[in-house]
C-alpha atoms as a PDB file:
ATOM      1  CA  MET A   1     -38.730 -22.283 -27.217  1.00  0.00           C
ATOM      2  CA  ILE A   2     -39.784 -18.703 -26.682  1.00  0.00           C
ATOM      3  CA  CYS A   3     -43.356 -17.420 -26.959  1.00  0.00           C
ATOM      4  CA  ALA A   4     -44.031 -13.707 -26.736  1.00  0.00           C
ATOM      5  CA  ALA A   5     -46.911 -11.277 -27.160  1.00  0.00           C
ATOM      6  CA  CYS A   6     -46.976  -7.516 -27.001  1.00  0.00           C
ATOM      7  CA  SER A   7     -49.450  -4.740 -27.582  1.00  0.00           C
ATOM      8  CA  SER A   8     -49.656  -0.972 -27.457  1.00  0.00           C
ATOM      9  CA  LEU A   9     -52.478   1.531 -27.124  1.00  0.00           C
ATOM     10  CA  MET A  10     -52.345   5.146 -28.230  1.00  0.00           C
ATOM     11  CA  PHE A  11     -54.350   7.974 -26.621  1.00  0.00           C
ATOM     12  CA  SER A  12     -53.694  11.454 -28.056  1.00  0.00           C
ATOM     13  CA  SER A  13     -50.159  12.162 -26.771  1.00  0.00           C
ATOM     14  CA  TRP A  14     -49.875   8.979 -24.647  1.00  0.00           C
ATOM     15  CA  THR A  15     -48.713   5.530 -25.720  1.00  0.00           C
ATOM     16  CA  LEU A  16     -49.117   2.574 -23.335  1.00  0.00           C
ATOM     17  CA  SER A  17     -47.406  -0.714 -24.107  1.00  0.00           C
ATOM     18  CA  GLY A  18     -47.102  -4.098 -22.482  1.00  0.00           C
ATOM     19  CA  GLY A  19     -45.818  -7.533 -23.193  1.00  0.00           C
ATOM     20  CA  VAL A  20     -45.463 -11.020 -21.811  1.00  0.00           C
ATOM     21  CA  ARG A  21     -42.932 -13.730 -22.628  1.00  0.00           C
ATOM     22  CA  TYR A  22     -42.674 -17.440 -21.806  1.00  0.00           C
ATOM     23  CA  ASP A  23     -39.300 -19.183 -21.983  1.00  0.00           C
ATOM     24  CA  HIS A  24     -38.700 -22.925 -21.968  1.00  0.00           C
ATOM     25  CA  ARG A  25     -35.083 -24.070 -22.178  1.00  0.00           C
ATOM     26  CA  TRP A  26     -33.466 -27.407 -21.588  1.00  0.00           C
ATOM     27  CA  LEU A  27     -29.910 -28.594 -21.145  1.00  0.00           C
ATOM     28  CA  VAL A  28     -28.736 -32.178 -21.595  1.00  0.00           C
ATOM     29  CA  SER A  29     -25.129 -33.128 -20.919  1.00  0.00           C
ATOM     30  CA  ASP A  30     -23.071 -36.259 -20.424  1.00  0.00           C
ATOM     31  CA  ILE A  31     -20.246 -35.755 -17.939  1.00  0.00           C
ATOM     32  CA  ARG A  32     -17.302 -38.107 -17.860  1.00  0.00           C
ATOM     33  CA  TYR A  33     -14.691 -37.699 -15.139  1.00  0.00           C
ATOM     34  CA  ARG A  34     -11.015 -38.195 -15.967  1.00  0.00           C
ATOM     35  CA  GLY A  35     -10.010 -41.842 -15.794  1.00  0.00           C
ATOM     36  CA  ASP A  36     -13.619 -43.037 -15.533  1.00  0.00           C
ATOM     37  CA  THR A  37     -15.321 -44.972 -18.334  1.00  0.00           C
ATOM     38  CA  ALA A  38     -18.859 -44.306 -17.140  1.00  0.00           C
ATOM     39  CA  SER A  39     -20.610 -41.021 -17.791  1.00  0.00           C
ATOM     40  CA  VAL A  40     -23.239 -39.210 -15.769  1.00  0.00           C
ATOM     41  CA  ARG A  41     -26.175 -37.779 -17.707  1.00  0.00           C
ATOM     42  CA  GLN A  42     -27.656 -34.526 -16.438  1.00  0.00           C
ATOM     43  CA  GLU A  43     -30.854 -32.959 -17.680  1.00  0.00           C
ATOM     44  CA  LYS A  44     -32.093 -29.539 -16.570  1.00  0.00           C
ATOM     45  CA  ILE A  45     -35.247 -27.725 -17.634  1.00  0.00           C
ATOM     46  CA  PHE A  46     -35.653 -23.993 -17.119  1.00  0.00           C
ATOM     47  CA  THR A  47     -38.991 -22.208 -17.544  1.00  0.00           C
ATOM     48  CA  GLY A  48     -40.078 -18.700 -16.770  1.00  0.00           C
ATOM     49  CA  ILE A  49     -42.634 -16.019 -17.480  1.00  0.00           C
ATOM     50  CA  SER A  50     -41.634 -12.376 -17.703  1.00  0.00           C
ATOM     51  CA  GLY A  51     -43.547  -9.236 -18.479  1.00  0.00           C
ATOM     52  CA  SER A  52     -43.175  -5.550 -19.056  1.00  0.00           C
ATOM     53  CA  VAL A  53     -45.304  -2.428 -19.129  1.00  0.00           C
ATOM     54  CA  GLY A  54     -44.367   0.996 -20.343  1.00  0.00           C
ATOM     55  CA  ALA A  55     -45.691   4.453 -21.128  1.00  0.00           C
ATOM     56  CA  ALA A  56     -44.588   7.326 -23.296  1.00  0.00           C
ATOM     57  CA  ILE A  57     -45.916  10.854 -23.540  1.00  0.00           C
ATOM     58  CA  THR A  58     -45.093  13.264 -26.293  1.00  0.00           C
ATOM     59  CA  ALA A  59     -44.719  16.554 -24.457  1.00  0.00           C
ATOM     60  CA  SER A  60     -43.776  18.466 -27.601  1.00  0.00           C
ATOM     61  CA  PRO A  61     -42.644  17.607 -31.134  1.00  0.00           C
ATOM     62  CA  ASP A  62     -39.052  17.635 -29.838  1.00  0.00           C
ATOM     63  CA  LEU A  63     -39.580  15.874 -26.476  1.00  0.00           C
ATOM     64  CA  THR A  64     -40.912  12.402 -25.632  1.00  0.00           C
ATOM     65  CA  ILE A  65     -40.737  11.074 -22.049  1.00  0.00           C
ATOM     66  CA  GLN A  66     -40.700   7.290 -21.614  1.00  0.00           C
ATOM     67  CA  ALA A  67     -40.800   4.902 -18.670  1.00  0.00           C
ATOM     68  CA  ASN A  68     -40.711   1.114 -18.560  1.00  0.00           C
ATOM     69  CA  VAL A  69     -40.863  -1.585 -15.885  1.00  0.00           C
ATOM     70  CA  GLY A  70     -40.200  -5.242 -16.571  1.00  0.00           C
ATOM     71  CA  THR A  71     -39.229  -8.555 -15.071  1.00  0.00           C
ATOM     72  CA  ALA A  72     -36.830 -11.154 -16.377  1.00  0.00           C
ATOM     73  CA  TRP A  73     -34.983 -14.193 -15.162  1.00  0.00           C
END
């Protein structure tokens, strides 16, 4: 399951943007070792929140400068 939201604001030649994302993943596996009849069940849950923020400025009709910073897992 992934939930995400993003938004951007524009001011004359500037554009500011940002976003946030929530991830929820799970892994279920049954492991059976060679020669063994029993299996071992493993369940793992991974969750995380990541975000980003960025800016762009249109210096001229032919030039746009952009920067972005974000986190992820």
